[in-house]
Amino acid sequence: MQRRSELFITTTSSSATCATTNTATMTIPPPYVTASSSNDIENSSDTSERKQPWKTDPSVTAMGQVMVSSGCGDPVDRKIVEDNGRQAFSANMKQAYQNYRNRPRRVLTQEEKQVRCYCWTGFTIITMIIVIILLCVSLRKVEETEYGVRYATYKKELDEAALSGGLFPGPPGFKMIKFPSTYLTADFDGQTCVSRDGLRVVFDVTFQYQMTADKMLPAIVKYRNVFKWREIVEQGGLSAMHHSCSDFFISDFQNKRGEIQESMLRNLRLKLEGDPDDDKDEGVYALAISVQLRNLELPTDYNTAVEEKQAAEEDIALAVAQRKQEKTKAETDLLKAKEEARKILNTARNEAEVLVTEAYLKANETTFAFEKEAEIIVEVKAALNLTTEGVLTYLANSLYAEVKNLKITAGEPAKLSRSEEL
């Protein structure tokens, strides 16, 4: 239902050109405020229209035309018209809002309610699906054993912070470039290197390395992903092993295995971490942990020559040992003979000394006995006044008396009987 209002405009002029009072009256239909008209006002590029919308209102324009046609368009009359237009516009806006509030509402049918319910349900489901999709493409998980760096796929921007252990948001569709934070192991079996003297050596080696958080960004910029980085690291490590082999002679691989392993670790650190004395050498952005030299296989010809040499050395050592053994045995026999001779000599000397001593004592005993006997004979001779021949006869008789069966063999001219001298 439309309502109409009449606006009466009275203009009065007191200037010389307007000697009489002119009065003009017209009826202006009130404006109908719609969403499009209000949006046109709000979106207008003219700031005066947004600040003073009544200037664009049809009623205000009509009143301005009335003033111009009356011939009394001075500033005072225009100000009155603008004030009246502003009041009329405000009244029209209030009336339009009231008409909108009091508009008759149509009662929806059951089918329309179902359609509206279906629409709202579909809209809600679609909204939830969109929200879930946005959450899925905007969240990435990083394990505790990993490092991750966010990469905005559409902006082509790489985050500078390395993340670990959690669920992290990002722009829709972003990627999380991940690197393992634990120790990584590289195994090389049956690899061949050349020794310092030009012989081929087959070796089996294992080494461990690790990615650190501060080296994530340059590694991604240079190698893009973990697979390319691991390939470069392992090839660099293998190159370090070959370089270490070329520093040793073939004979060192038998008795200097520990030194070779230490040299491999040093060269591995130079390859992976870079040279600390050279600022331009940054390595391959990995941290070397340890190296295990598991096996070494020398050339067959060399092994054969070494075995023959070892066999010859063993034969020589055996001959030397046998010679030493025989020499020791001969020396032992010599020492035994010398010791036996010394014992015999000592025994002979002891027996000789004993015999000499016995003989000496016997001689002393005999001499002492003869001396005593001589003294006795002298005393007997002196006491009995015997001659020498009488003494001899006395001694012979004493000898016969002491020995029962005395046998004497005497040669001529021996004289056994001394009876005449008695």
Protein backbone atom coordinates (compact mmCIF):
# COMPACT_ATOMS: atom_id res chain seq x y z
CA MET A 1 0.00 0.00 0.00
CA GLN A 2 1.41 3.33 -1.07
CA ARG A 3 1.05 6.45 0.94
CA ARG A 4 1.34 9.87 -0.59
CA SER A 5 2.38 13.10 1.06
CA GLU A 6 2.23 16.61 -0.27
CA LEU A 7 5.01 19.10 0.16
CA PHE A 8 4.15 22.72 -0.14
CA ILE A 9 7.02 25.03 -1.00
CA THR A 10 6.62 28.76 -0.66
CA THR A 11 9.28 31.09 -2.02
CA THR A 12 9.51 34.73 -1.20
CA SER A 13 11.93 37.19 -2.72
CA SER A 14 12.73 40.62 -1.36
CA SER A 15 15.21 41.62 -4.02
CA ALA A 16 14.66 44.39 -6.56
CA THR A 17 14.12 42.00 -9.41
CA CYS A 18 11.45 40.13 -7.47
CA ALA A 19 9.09 42.98 -6.52
CA THR A 20 6.18 40.73 -5.96
CA THR A 21 5.90 37.68 -3.85
CA ASN A 22 5.76 34.52 -5.93
CA THR A 23 4.31 31.44 -4.43
CA ALA A 24 4.59 28.07 -6.13
CA THR A 25 3.00 25.00 -4.84
CA MET A 26 3.58 21.47 -6.18
CA THR A 27 2.99 17.98 -5.00
CA ILE A 28 6.07 15.69 -4.89
CA PRO A 29 5.69 11.95 -4.47
CA PRO A 30 7.74 10.54 -1.63
CA PRO A 31 10.76 8.43 -2.64
CA TYR A 32 10.73 4.68 -2.29
CA VAL A 33 13.89 3.47 -0.66
CA THR A 34 15.16 0.20 -2.06
CA ALA A 35 18.26 -1.86 -1.51
CA SER A 36 19.65 -0.97 -4.91
CA SER A 37 19.24 2.78 -4.33
CA SER A 38 20.88 2.59 -0.91
CA ASN A 39 23.71 0.51 -2.33
CA ASP A 40 24.15 3.01 -5.18
CA ILE A 41 24.48 5.76 -2.61
CA GLU A 42 26.96 3.83 -0.50
CA ASN A 43 29.03 2.74 -3.50
CA SER A 44 29.02 6.18 -5.14
CA SER A 45 32.39 7.68 -5.89
CA ASP A 46 31.13 11.18 -4.95
CA THR A 47 31.80 11.77 -1.26
CA SER A 48 29.14 14.50 -1.18
CA GLU A 49 26.46 11.95 -2.13
CA ARG A 50 27.52 9.60 0.66
CA LYS A 51 27.60 12.39 3.26
CA GLN A 52 24.41 14.18 2.04
CA PRO A 53 22.09 11.66 0.35
CA TRP A 54 19.15 14.04 0.27
CA LYS A 55 20.90 16.00 -2.49
CA THR A 56 20.29 13.07 -4.82
CA ASP A 57 16.73 12.51 -3.60
CA PRO A 58 14.07 13.21 -6.29
CA SER A 59 12.09 15.48 -3.95
CA VAL A 60 15.12 17.68 -3.27
CA THR A 61 15.89 17.88 -6.99
CA ALA A 62 12.29 18.83 -7.73
CA MET A 63 12.36 21.59 -5.13
CA GLY A 64 15.58 22.95 -6.64
CA GLN A 65 13.91 23.05 -10.04
CA VAL A 66 10.95 24.94 -8.50
CA MET A 67 13.31 27.53 -7.05
CA VAL A 68 15.05 28.04 -10.34
CA SER A 69 11.79 28.34 -12.25
CA SER A 70 10.47 30.94 -9.81
CA GLY A 71 13.40 33.22 -10.61
CA CYS A 72 14.42 33.69 -6.96
CA GLY A 73 17.37 31.30 -6.63
CA ASP A 74 19.46 33.22 -4.09
CA PRO A 75 21.60 31.34 -1.46
CA VAL A 76 19.17 31.97 1.40
CA ASP A 77 16.29 30.33 -0.46
CA ARG A 78 18.47 27.41 -1.46
CA LYS A 79 19.48 26.79 2.17
CA ILE A 80 15.82 26.70 3.15
CA VAL A 81 15.11 24.23 0.37
CA GLU A 82 17.99 21.99 1.48
CA ASP A 83 16.78 22.00 5.07
CA ASN A 84 13.25 21.18 3.98
CA GLY A 85 14.58 18.45 1.67
CA ARG A 86 16.64 16.93 4.48
CA GLN A 87 13.59 16.79 6.72
CA ALA A 88 11.46 15.33 3.93
CA PHE A 89 14.13 12.68 3.17
CA SER A 90 14.36 11.65 6.81
CA ALA A 91 10.58 11.36 7.05
CA ASN A 92 10.49 9.31 3.84
CA MET A 93 13.22 6.96 5.12
CA LYS A 94 11.37 6.38 8.39
CA GLN A 95 8.13 5.81 6.53
CA ALA A 96 9.80 3.32 4.13
CA TYR A 97 11.32 1.35 7.05
CA GLN A 98 7.97 1.28 8.82
CA ASN A 99 6.29 0.07 5.61
CA TYR A 100 8.92 -2.73 5.40
CA ARG A 101 8.25 -3.74 8.99
CA ASN A 102 4.48 -3.74 8.47
CA ARG A 103 4.51 -5.54 5.12
CA PRO A 104 2.17 -8.54 4.91
CA ARG A 105 4.05 -11.85 5.22
CA ARG A 106 3.12 -14.91 3.29
CA VAL A 107 2.77 -18.19 5.16
CA LEU A 108 5.09 -20.89 3.73
CA THR A 109 3.64 -24.23 2.73
CA GLN A 110 4.96 -27.56 3.99
CA GLU A 111 6.79 -28.25 0.75
CA GLU A 112 8.43 -24.83 0.80
CA LYS A 113 9.53 -25.43 4.41
CA GLN A 114 11.03 -28.78 3.41
CA VAL A 115 12.80 -27.20 0.46
CA ARG A 116 14.12 -24.45 2.72
CA CYS A 117 15.23 -27.06 5.30
CA TYR A 118 16.97 -29.06 2.60
CA CYS A 119 18.67 -25.95 1.32
CA TRP A 120 19.90 -24.99 4.77
CA THR A 121 21.06 -28.55 5.45
CA GLY A 122 22.91 -28.76 2.16
CA PHE A 123 24.45 -25.37 2.75
CA THR A 124 25.60 -26.45 6.22
CA ILE A 125 27.05 -29.74 4.94
CA ILE A 126 28.85 -28.03 2.08
CA THR A 127 30.18 -25.43 4.49
CA MET A 128 31.44 -28.12 6.87
CA ILE A 129 33.04 -30.04 3.99
CA ILE A 130 34.76 -26.89 2.82
CA VAL A 131 35.95 -26.17 6.37
CA ILE A 132 37.24 -29.74 6.78
CA ILE A 133 39.03 -29.59 3.42
CA LEU A 134 40.60 -26.26 4.37
CA LEU A 135 41.73 -27.72 7.70
CA CYS A 136 43.16 -30.78 5.98
CA VAL A 137 45.13 -28.75 3.47
CA SER A 138 46.20 -26.23 6.13
CA LEU A 139 47.59 -28.62 8.79
CA ARG A 140 50.66 -30.83 8.62
CA LYS A 141 52.07 -33.24 11.22
CA VAL A 142 55.76 -33.56 12.04
CA GLU A 143 56.97 -36.54 14.09
CA GLU A 144 59.37 -36.34 17.03
CA THR A 145 62.05 -38.00 14.92
CA GLU A 146 61.74 -35.47 12.07
CA TYR A 147 62.45 -31.88 11.16
CA GLY A 148 59.98 -30.00 8.97
CA VAL A 149 60.04 -26.70 7.06
CA ARG A 150 56.84 -25.12 5.69
CA TYR A 151 56.74 -24.36 1.98
CA ALA A 152 53.89 -22.26 0.57
CA THR A 153 53.11 -23.91 -2.76
CA TYR A 154 51.27 -20.99 -4.35
CA LYS A 155 53.41 -18.18 -2.96
CA LYS A 156 56.63 -20.11 -3.55
CA GLU A 157 57.89 -19.12 -0.11
CA LEU A 158 60.04 -21.25 2.23
CA ASP A 159 59.84 -20.79 5.99
CA GLU A 160 63.14 -20.25 7.78
CA ALA A 161 62.25 -22.10 11.01
CA ALA A 162 62.73 -25.87 11.38
CA LEU A 163 59.83 -27.51 13.23
CA SER A 164 59.72 -30.79 15.12
CA GLY A 165 57.18 -32.85 17.02
CA GLY A 166 53.66 -31.49 16.54
CA LEU A 167 50.78 -30.43 14.29
CA PHE A 168 51.50 -27.13 12.55
CA PRO A 169 49.20 -24.81 10.53
CA GLY A 170 50.02 -23.06 7.31
CA PRO A 171 48.51 -21.50 4.21
CA PRO A 172 46.07 -23.72 2.28
CA GLY A 173 47.83 -26.30 0.15
CA PHE A 174 51.27 -25.80 1.73
CA LYS A 175 53.86 -28.58 1.89
CA MET A 176 55.93 -29.70 4.85
CA ILE A 177 59.41 -30.66 3.66
CA LYS A 178 60.63 -33.26 6.15
CA PHE A 179 64.08 -34.52 7.07
CA PRO A 180 64.83 -37.22 9.69
CA SER A 181 66.44 -35.90 12.88
CA THR A 182 67.81 -39.31 13.99
CA TYR A 183 71.04 -41.01 12.97
CA LEU A 184 71.02 -42.29 9.38
CA THR A 185 73.13 -45.28 8.33
CA ALA A 186 74.78 -45.92 4.98
CA ASP A 187 76.10 -49.41 4.15
CA PHE A 188 78.54 -50.13 1.33
CA ASP A 189 79.43 -53.75 0.57
CA GLY A 190 81.92 -55.01 -1.98
CA GLN A 191 83.32 -51.57 -2.84
CA THR A 192 86.72 -51.37 -4.55
CA CYS A 193 89.42 -48.78 -3.90
CA VAL A 194 93.06 -48.38 -4.98
CA SER A 195 95.91 -48.36 -2.49
CA ARG A 196 98.83 -45.99 -2.60
CA ASP A 197 100.95 -48.53 -4.47
CA GLY A 198 98.24 -49.13 -7.10
CA LEU A 199 96.64 -52.39 -5.91
CA ARG A 200 92.89 -52.90 -5.70
CA VAL A 201 91.31 -53.49 -2.30
CA VAL A 202 87.72 -54.64 -1.71
CA PHE A 203 86.15 -53.24 1.47
CA ASP A 204 82.84 -53.21 3.38
CA VAL A 205 82.13 -50.05 5.36
CA THR A 206 79.26 -48.49 7.30
CA PHE A 207 78.96 -44.89 8.49
CA GLN A 208 76.36 -42.84 10.37
CA TYR A 209 75.36 -39.22 9.73
CA GLN A 210 72.67 -36.79 10.90
CA MET A 211 70.78 -33.69 9.80
CA THR A 212 70.74 -30.74 12.22
CA ALA A 213 68.08 -28.03 12.48
CA ASP A 214 70.43 -25.19 11.53
CA LYS A 215 71.36 -26.90 8.23
CA MET A 216 67.81 -27.65 7.11
CA LEU A 217 67.19 -24.48 5.10
CA PRO A 218 70.40 -24.49 2.99
CA ALA A 219 70.01 -28.23 2.38
CA ILE A 220 66.45 -27.74 1.06
CA VAL A 221 67.48 -24.79 -1.08
CA LYS A 222 70.35 -26.76 -2.64
CA TYR A 223 68.95 -30.31 -2.79
CA ARG A 224 65.14 -29.75 -2.61
CA ASN A 225 64.22 -32.90 -0.67
CA VAL A 226 65.59 -35.57 1.65
CA PHE A 227 66.02 -38.20 -1.08
CA LYS A 228 68.36 -36.09 -3.18
CA TRP A 229 70.20 -34.97 -0.05
CA ARG A 230 70.73 -38.54 1.17
CA GLU A 231 72.01 -39.59 -2.24
CA ILE A 232 74.55 -36.74 -2.27
CA VAL A 233 75.62 -37.47 1.32
CA GLU A 234 76.18 -41.18 0.65
CA GLN A 235 78.12 -40.51 -2.54
CA GLY A 236 80.25 -37.95 -0.70
CA GLY A 237 80.89 -40.48 2.06
CA LEU A 238 81.94 -43.13 -0.48
CA SER A 239 84.32 -40.62 -2.05
CA ALA A 240 85.87 -40.02 1.39
CA MET A 241 86.45 -43.77 1.80
CA HIS A 242 88.20 -43.98 -1.58
CA HIS A 243 90.38 -41.01 -0.68
CA SER A 244 91.39 -42.67 2.59
CA CYS A 245 92.39 -45.91 0.82
CA SER A 246 94.77 -44.03 -1.47
CA ASP A 247 96.77 -42.78 1.54
CA PHE A 248 97.95 -46.25 2.62
CA PHE A 249 100.14 -48.95 1.12
CA ILE A 250 98.77 -52.43 0.55
CA SER A 251 100.76 -53.82 3.48
CA ASP A 252 99.13 -51.26 5.81
CA PHE A 253 95.73 -52.86 5.28
CA GLN A 254 96.93 -55.88 7.24
CA ASN A 255 98.38 -54.23 10.33
CA LYS A 256 96.99 -50.66 10.36
CA ARG A 257 93.26 -51.21 10.13
CA GLY A 258 92.52 -48.86 13.04
CA GLU A 259 94.49 -46.01 11.45
CA ILE A 260 92.66 -46.53 8.14
CA GLN A 261 89.28 -46.30 9.92
CA GLU A 262 90.31 -43.07 11.68
CA SER A 263 91.44 -41.61 8.36
CA MET A 264 88.08 -42.51 6.81
CA LEU A 265 86.27 -40.69 9.63
CA ARG A 266 88.39 -37.55 9.17
CA ASN A 267 87.80 -37.46 5.42
CA LEU A 268 84.09 -38.17 5.94
CA ARG A 269 83.78 -35.11 8.20
CA LEU A 270 85.53 -32.95 5.62
CA LYS A 271 83.13 -34.15 2.92
CA LEU A 272 79.92 -33.83 4.93
CA GLU A 273 80.62 -30.85 7.20
CA GLY A 274 83.04 -28.91 5.01
CA ASP A 275 86.53 -27.60 5.63
CA PRO A 276 86.61 -25.31 8.72
CA ASP A 277 89.56 -23.42 7.22
CA ASP A 278 87.70 -22.70 3.97
CA ASP A 279 84.59 -20.51 4.28
CA LYS A 280 83.42 -21.43 0.78
CA ASP A 281 83.44 -25.18 1.52
CA GLU A 282 80.16 -25.86 3.35
CA GLY A 283 80.06 -29.60 2.67
CA VAL A 284 76.71 -31.26 2.08
CA TYR A 285 75.01 -29.98 5.28
CA ALA A 286 75.31 -33.22 7.28
CA LEU A 287 76.98 -34.13 10.56
CA ALA A 288 79.35 -37.15 10.47
CA ILE A 289 78.95 -39.44 13.50
CA SER A 290 81.09 -42.57 13.12
CA VAL A 291 82.62 -45.06 10.66
CA GLN A 292 82.93 -48.87 10.93
CA LEU A 293 85.35 -50.65 8.58
CA ARG A 294 83.76 -54.11 8.61
CA ASN A 295 85.88 -56.06 6.12
CA LEU A 296 88.96 -55.84 3.90
CA GLU A 297 89.80 -58.20 1.03
CA LEU A 298 93.26 -57.92 -0.53
CA PRO A 299 94.06 -59.08 -4.11
CA THR A 300 94.36 -62.85 -4.65
CA ASP A 301 97.87 -62.65 -6.11
CA TYR A 302 98.97 -60.50 -3.24
CA ASN A 303 97.45 -62.90 -0.74
CA THR A 304 99.21 -65.82 -2.46
CA ALA A 305 102.52 -63.99 -2.38
CA VAL A 306 101.99 -63.06 1.23
CA GLU A 307 101.15 -66.65 2.10
CA GLU A 308 104.25 -67.92 0.32
CA LYS A 309 106.36 -65.31 2.01
CA GLN A 310 104.84 -66.15 5.34
CA ALA A 311 105.44 -69.85 4.72
CA ALA A 312 109.07 -69.14 3.79
CA GLU A 313 109.43 -66.95 6.86
CA GLU A 314 107.92 -69.70 8.95
CA ASP A 315 110.34 -72.24 7.48
CA ILE A 316 113.22 -69.91 8.14
CA ALA A 317 111.97 -69.30 11.62
CA LEU A 318 111.58 -73.05 12.14
CA ALA A 319 115.13 -73.70 10.88
CA VAL A 320 116.45 -70.96 13.11
CA ALA A 321 114.50 -72.40 16.01
CA GLN A 322 115.78 -75.93 15.27
CA ARG A 323 119.32 -74.62 14.99
CA LYS A 324 118.90 -72.79 18.22
CA GLN A 325 117.42 -75.93 19.76
CA GLU A 326 120.30 -78.11 18.56
CA LYS A 327 122.78 -75.52 19.68
CA THR A 328 121.10 -75.36 23.02
CA LYS A 329 121.13 -79.14 23.23
CA ALA A 330 124.84 -79.27 22.35
CA GLU A 331 125.60 -76.55 24.83
CA THR A 332 123.59 -78.49 27.40
CA ASP A 333 125.58 -81.67 26.68
CA LEU A 334 128.81 -79.65 26.87
CA LEU A 335 127.81 -78.13 30.14
CA LYS A 336 126.81 -81.57 31.40
CA ALA A 337 130.19 -83.03 30.33
CA LYS A 338 132.03 -80.14 31.88
CA GLU A 339 130.06 -80.54 35.02
CA GLU A 340 130.74 -84.28 35.05
CA ALA A 341 134.44 -83.67 34.47
CA ARG A 342 134.45 -81.10 37.21
CA LYS A 343 132.77 -83.56 39.52
CA ILE A 344 135.26 -86.32 38.60
CA LEU A 345 138.15 -83.92 38.97
CA ASN A 346 136.88 -82.72 42.29
CA THR A 347 136.34 -86.30 43.41
CA ALA A 348 139.87 -87.26 42.30
CA ARG A 349 141.30 -84.25 43.99
CA ASN A 350 139.42 -85.03 47.16
CA GLU A 351 140.51 -88.69 47.06
CA ALA A 352 144.08 -87.67 46.29
CA GLU A 353 144.06 -85.22 49.14
CA VAL A 354 142.60 -87.92 51.40
CA LEU A 355 145.26 -90.45 50.29
CA VAL A 356 147.99 -87.91 50.66
CA THR A 357 146.70 -87.00 54.05
CA GLU A 358 146.39 -90.65 55.05
CA ALA A 359 149.88 -91.36 53.71
CA TYR A 360 151.23 -88.36 55.49
CA LEU A 361 149.55 -89.41 58.70
CA LYS A 362 150.71 -93.01 58.18
CA ALA A 363 154.21 -91.83 57.54
CA ASN A 364 154.09 -89.70 60.64
CA GLU A 365 152.65 -92.61 62.57
CA THR A 366 155.34 -94.97 61.24
CA THR A 367 158.07 -92.46 61.83
CA PHE A 368 156.77 -91.87 65.33
CA ALA A 369 156.56 -95.61 65.95
CA PHE A 370 160.06 -96.19 64.61
CA GLU A 371 161.34 -93.27 66.66
CA LYS A 372 159.77 -94.69 69.78
CA GLU A 373 161.03 -98.17 68.91
CA ALA A 374 164.46 -96.75 68.26
CA GLU A 375 164.37 -95.03 71.60
CA ILE A 376 163.29 -98.26 73.23
CA ILE A 377 166.05 -100.23 71.46
CA VAL A 378 168.55 -97.63 72.44
CA GLU A 379 167.41 -97.87 76.01
CA VAL A 380 167.45 -101.67 75.84
CA LYS A 381 170.91 -101.66 74.28
CA ALA A 382 172.10 -99.33 76.93
CA ALA A 383 170.45 -101.21 79.71
CA LEU A 384 171.67 -104.69 78.56
CA ASN A 385 174.98 -103.52 77.15
CA LEU A 386 174.25 -105.07 73.79
CA THR A 387 176.04 -104.55 70.60
CA THR A 388 174.41 -103.78 67.31
CA GLU A 389 174.46 -107.39 66.30
CA GLY A 390 172.85 -108.31 69.56
CA VAL A 391 170.17 -105.79 69.07
CA LEU A 392 169.38 -107.21 65.66
CA THR A 393 169.20 -110.69 67.08
CA TYR A 394 166.92 -109.44 69.81
CA LEU A 395 164.62 -107.88 67.25
CA ALA A 396 164.50 -111.02 65.15
CA ASN A 397 163.59 -113.16 68.14
CA SER A 398 160.85 -110.65 69.07
CA LEU A 399 159.49 -110.89 65.52
CA TYR A 400 159.43 -114.69 65.68
CA ALA A 401 157.60 -114.56 68.96
CA GLU A 402 154.89 -112.22 67.74
CA VAL A 403 154.11 -114.03 64.47
CA LYS A 404 153.14 -117.72 64.64
CA ASN A 405 153.68 -118.64 61.04
CA LEU A 406 156.35 -116.28 59.78
CA LYS A 407 157.60 -116.84 56.31
CA ILE A 408 160.63 -114.93 55.19
CA THR A 409 162.16 -114.98 51.79
CA ALA A 410 165.67 -113.63 51.77
CA GLY A 411 168.22 -113.61 49.08
CA GLU A 412 171.92 -114.37 49.39
CA PRO A 413 174.03 -113.37 51.24
CA ALA A 414 171.31 -112.70 53.82
CA LYS A 415 171.97 -113.98 57.27
CA LEU A 416 168.93 -114.98 59.25
CA SER A 417 170.41 -116.58 62.39
CA ARG A 418 172.11 -114.45 64.94
CA SER A 419 172.70 -117.11 67.54
CA GLU A 420 176.45 -116.77 67.42
CA GLU A 421 176.22 -113.14 68.34
CA LEU A 422 174.26 -114.05 71.42
